[in-house]
Protein backbone atom coordinates (compact mmCIF):
# COMPACT_ATOMS: atom_id res chain seq x y z
CA MET A 1 6.64 76.05 -23.98
CA GLU A 2 9.69 74.06 -22.89
CA LEU A 3 12.66 76.26 -21.99
CA LEU A 4 15.17 74.02 -20.28
CA LYS A 5 15.42 70.26 -20.63
CA ILE A 6 17.46 68.28 -18.09
CA ASN A 7 18.19 64.85 -19.52
CA LYS A 8 19.52 62.08 -17.24
CA ILE A 9 21.96 64.30 -15.35
CA ASN A 10 24.46 62.55 -13.08
CA LYS A 11 27.11 64.25 -10.97
CA ASN A 12 29.85 62.26 -9.26
CA TYR A 13 32.77 63.33 -7.09
CA SER A 14 35.78 61.12 -6.43
CA SER A 15 37.60 61.00 -3.12
CA GLY A 16 40.47 58.55 -3.18
CA GLU A 17 39.02 55.22 -4.17
CA LYS A 18 35.46 56.27 -3.31
CA THR A 19 32.92 57.86 -5.64
CA LEU A 20 30.13 60.04 -4.30
CA ASN A 21 26.99 60.09 -6.45
CA VAL A 22 25.48 63.51 -5.73
CA LEU A 23 22.91 63.59 -8.54
CA LYS A 24 21.34 60.45 -9.99
CA ASN A 25 19.59 60.46 -13.37
CA ILE A 26 17.87 63.82 -12.90
CA ASP A 27 15.33 64.14 -15.69
CA PHE A 28 12.77 66.96 -16.01
CA SER A 29 11.74 70.04 -17.99
CA LEU A 30 11.36 73.67 -17.01
CA ASN A 31 8.61 75.39 -18.98
CA LYS A 32 7.96 79.05 -19.66
CA GLY A 33 6.06 80.60 -16.75
CA ASP A 34 6.92 77.83 -14.28
CA PHE A 35 7.48 78.73 -10.63
CA ILE A 36 9.38 75.79 -9.16
CA SER A 37 11.02 75.20 -5.80
CA MET A 38 13.42 72.41 -4.96
CA MET A 39 13.94 71.58 -1.31
CA GLY A 40 16.71 69.61 0.33
CA PRO A 41 18.99 69.74 3.36
CA SER A 42 22.48 71.17 3.27
CA GLY A 43 24.74 68.87 1.26
CA SER A 44 21.88 67.27 -0.66
CA GLY A 45 23.18 68.52 -4.01
CA LYS A 46 20.48 71.11 -4.70
CA SER A 47 22.97 73.93 -5.28
CA THR A 48 25.02 71.60 -7.48
CA LEU A 49 21.96 70.93 -9.62
CA LEU A 50 21.12 74.64 -9.85
CA ASN A 51 24.69 75.40 -10.92
CA ILE A 52 24.54 72.70 -13.58
CA MET A 53 21.20 74.01 -14.84
CA GLY A 54 22.73 77.49 -14.98
CA THR A 55 25.83 76.17 -16.84
CA MET A 56 28.22 77.17 -14.06
CA ASP A 57 29.08 73.53 -13.40
CA PHE A 58 29.21 70.50 -15.64
CA PRO A 59 27.48 67.15 -15.16
CA THR A 60 29.42 63.91 -15.11
CA SER A 61 26.93 62.63 -17.68
CA GLY A 62 23.69 63.71 -19.26
CA SER A 63 22.72 66.85 -21.16
CA ILE A 64 21.07 70.25 -20.69
CA SER A 65 19.20 71.95 -23.52
CA LEU A 66 17.87 75.51 -23.71
CA PHE A 67 15.46 76.06 -26.60
CA ASP A 68 16.67 72.68 -27.94
CA ASN A 69 20.30 73.86 -27.97
CA ASN A 70 22.57 71.40 -26.14
CA LEU A 71 24.45 73.59 -23.66
CA THR A 72 26.82 70.81 -22.62
CA GLU A 73 28.44 71.05 -26.06
CA LEU A 74 29.28 74.77 -25.85
CA ASN A 75 32.66 76.24 -24.86
CA GLU A 76 33.07 78.50 -21.84
CA ASN A 77 32.86 81.77 -23.81
CA ASP A 78 29.60 80.74 -25.45
CA LEU A 79 28.22 79.59 -22.11
CA ALA A 80 29.08 82.94 -20.52
CA GLU A 81 27.13 84.69 -23.30
CA TYR A 82 24.20 82.32 -22.83
CA ARG A 83 24.11 83.03 -19.09
CA LEU A 84 24.18 86.78 -19.67
CA LYS A 85 21.33 86.66 -22.20
CA HIS A 86 19.08 83.95 -20.82
CA PHE A 87 19.67 83.47 -17.06
CA GLY A 88 19.46 85.60 -13.94
CA PHE A 89 21.00 84.50 -10.63
CA ILE A 90 20.21 85.42 -7.02
CA TYR A 91 22.16 83.94 -4.12
CA GLN A 92 21.99 83.82 -0.34
CA PHE A 93 24.59 86.59 -0.28
CA HIS A 94 23.99 89.55 -2.61
CA TYR A 95 27.50 89.69 -4.18
CA LEU A 96 27.15 93.37 -5.03
CA LEU A 97 30.41 95.04 -6.04
CA PRO A 98 31.32 97.36 -3.14
CA GLU A 99 33.07 99.99 -5.28
CA PHE A 100 29.95 100.65 -7.37
CA THR A 101 26.66 102.27 -6.39
CA ILE A 102 23.42 100.30 -6.19
CA LEU A 103 22.36 101.80 -9.53
CA GLU A 104 25.66 100.85 -11.17
CA ASN A 105 25.51 97.31 -9.78
CA VAL A 106 22.05 96.78 -11.28
CA ALA A 107 23.08 98.32 -14.62
CA ILE A 108 26.30 96.32 -15.14
CA PRO A 109 24.75 93.20 -16.81
CA ALA A 110 22.95 95.41 -19.37
CA MET A 111 26.21 97.16 -20.27
CA LEU A 112 27.95 93.80 -20.56
CA LEU A 113 25.24 92.81 -23.03
CA GLY A 114 26.16 95.81 -25.19
CA LYS A 115 23.59 98.42 -24.13
CA SER A 116 24.76 102.00 -23.75
CA LYS A 117 25.42 103.44 -20.31
CA LYS A 118 22.43 105.78 -20.74
CA GLU A 119 20.03 102.97 -21.65
CA SER A 120 21.44 100.66 -18.96
CA PHE A 121 21.00 103.30 -16.26
CA LYS A 122 17.46 104.01 -17.47
CA LEU A 123 16.55 100.32 -17.19
CA ALA A 124 18.27 100.07 -13.80
CA ASN A 125 16.37 103.11 -12.49
CA GLU A 126 13.06 101.61 -13.64
CA LEU A 127 13.84 98.39 -11.78
CA LEU A 128 14.89 100.22 -8.63
CA GLU A 129 11.56 102.06 -8.71
CA TYR A 130 9.70 98.78 -9.17
CA LEU A 131 11.64 97.26 -6.27
CA LYS A 132 10.97 100.37 -4.15
CA ILE A 133 14.62 101.24 -3.55
CA SER A 134 15.06 104.06 -6.09
CA GLU A 135 16.13 106.42 -3.31
CA ARG A 136 19.08 104.11 -2.63
CA GLY A 137 20.39 104.14 -6.21
CA HIS A 138 23.35 106.44 -5.53
CA HIS A 139 24.31 104.76 -2.27
CA TYR A 140 27.00 102.10 -2.05
CA PRO A 141 26.23 98.56 -0.84
CA ALA A 142 27.81 99.22 2.56
CA GLU A 143 25.34 102.06 3.08
CA VAL A 144 22.08 100.11 2.65
CA SER A 145 20.31 97.37 4.59
CA GLY A 146 20.49 93.63 3.93
CA GLY A 147 17.02 93.58 2.44
CA GLU A 148 17.84 96.50 0.15
CA LYS A 149 21.01 94.74 -1.00
CA GLN A 150 19.00 91.64 -1.86
CA ARG A 151 16.42 93.66 -3.76
CA ALA A 152 19.26 95.28 -5.71
CA ALA A 153 20.58 91.78 -6.48
CA ILE A 154 17.11 90.86 -7.78
CA GLY A 155 17.14 93.95 -10.00
CA ARG A 156 20.56 93.01 -11.34
CA ALA A 157 19.28 89.50 -12.13
CA LEU A 158 16.21 90.89 -13.92
CA ILE A 159 17.72 93.68 -15.99
CA ASN A 160 18.40 91.58 -19.09
CA LYS A 161 14.90 90.08 -18.95
CA PRO A 162 16.15 86.51 -18.42
CA ASP A 163 14.21 83.50 -19.61
CA ILE A 164 14.89 81.85 -16.25
CA LEU A 165 15.54 83.38 -12.84
CA PHE A 166 17.50 81.06 -10.54
CA ALA A 167 17.55 81.70 -6.78
CA ASP A 168 19.77 79.77 -4.35
CA GLU A 169 18.62 80.16 -0.71
CA PRO A 170 17.57 83.78 -1.46
CA THR A 171 16.34 84.47 2.09
CA GLY A 172 19.03 82.52 3.94
CA ASN A 173 20.96 85.64 4.95
CA LEU A 174 17.92 87.69 5.97
CA ASP A 175 15.82 88.01 9.11
CA TYR A 176 12.31 86.55 8.98
CA GLU A 177 10.43 89.76 8.21
CA THR A 178 12.83 90.86 5.47
CA GLY A 179 12.80 87.33 4.06
CA GLN A 180 9.01 87.42 3.82
CA THR A 181 9.23 90.70 1.91
CA VAL A 182 11.61 89.12 -0.59
CA LEU A 183 9.37 86.06 -1.03
CA LYS A 184 6.35 88.28 -1.72
CA LEU A 185 8.47 90.12 -4.27
CA PHE A 186 9.20 86.84 -6.07
CA GLN A 187 5.48 86.12 -6.21
CA LYS A 188 4.82 89.60 -7.58
CA ILE A 189 7.52 89.23 -10.25
CA HIS A 190 6.07 85.88 -11.29
CA GLN A 191 2.52 87.23 -11.48
CA GLU A 192 3.25 90.56 -13.14
CA PHE A 193 6.11 89.62 -15.47
CA GLY A 194 5.24 85.97 -16.07
CA GLN A 195 8.82 85.32 -14.98
CA THR A 196 10.01 81.71 -14.91
CA LEU A 197 11.56 81.03 -11.49
CA PHE A 198 13.53 78.13 -10.04
CA ILE A 199 14.31 78.40 -6.31
CA VAL A 200 16.36 76.01 -4.18
CA THR A 201 15.96 76.08 -0.42
CA HIS A 202 16.19 74.00 2.74
CA ASP A 203 13.18 75.84 4.19
CA LYS A 204 9.73 74.27 3.77
CA GLU A 205 8.00 77.65 4.18
CA VAL A 206 10.06 79.14 1.35
CA SER A 207 9.32 76.16 -0.90
CA LYS A 208 5.57 76.63 -0.44
CA ILE A 209 5.48 79.89 -2.43
CA ALA A 210 6.16 77.96 -5.66
CA LYS A 211 3.48 76.49 -7.92
CA LYS A 212 5.44 73.24 -8.41
CA ARG A 213 7.56 71.71 -5.67
CA PHE A 214 10.33 69.13 -5.74
CA SER A 215 12.65 67.60 -3.18
CA LEU A 216 16.13 66.24 -3.73
CA ILE A 217 16.49 63.04 -1.70
CA ASN A 218 19.65 60.95 -1.89
CA GLY A 219 20.46 62.48 -5.27
CA ILE A 220 17.02 61.70 -6.72
CA LEU A 221 14.49 64.34 -7.69
CA VAL A 222 11.07 63.68 -6.17
CA VAL A 223 7.82 65.52 -6.92
CA ASN A 224 6.10 66.91 -3.83
CA LYS A 225 2.32 66.57 -3.80
């Protein structure tokens, strides 16, 4: 089942009289249950493409469709609602809100979607148990380890049961051992939930955990064999 269709996406930046072509006619589909990695060096445009796919940036030309709905035609309020309902995001840095507990951080997207505080906390607690950090639920981000913060960020991304989970360099801020734990967690989530995942990374070892692998080379998407 096709979830997200990327149709001839181009992204250009202008600097004076020069134009930088970051993305060139990117054209592919993301299907339900896919586990895809996209590799490229820093500055290759991989984060730009992820942000466009997640509707947090706009292409210079081309279109993005989710369930055959053209997202490039929606206004910012509608896009924000689409992101909340359909997408989950994990970044190199956890971006947890320091004034809220781990439990509250994970629960916030569910409450924003209209669920009650009681239901949101119940869902958040279930995820913290699944992620094996339930004992950290009432701690604040400053009181837990880097790996625990990242697992909380994964829980926050999962709580609304997104159609697509996007991860941008998810192990880039972690030591090797903790990073391996997070990668195994992604594999577990994919296997047990059937979660669709799209990961961008500069690390070949990280890219290898995916079932389908791409590289972004000079703005062109290339399939890795």
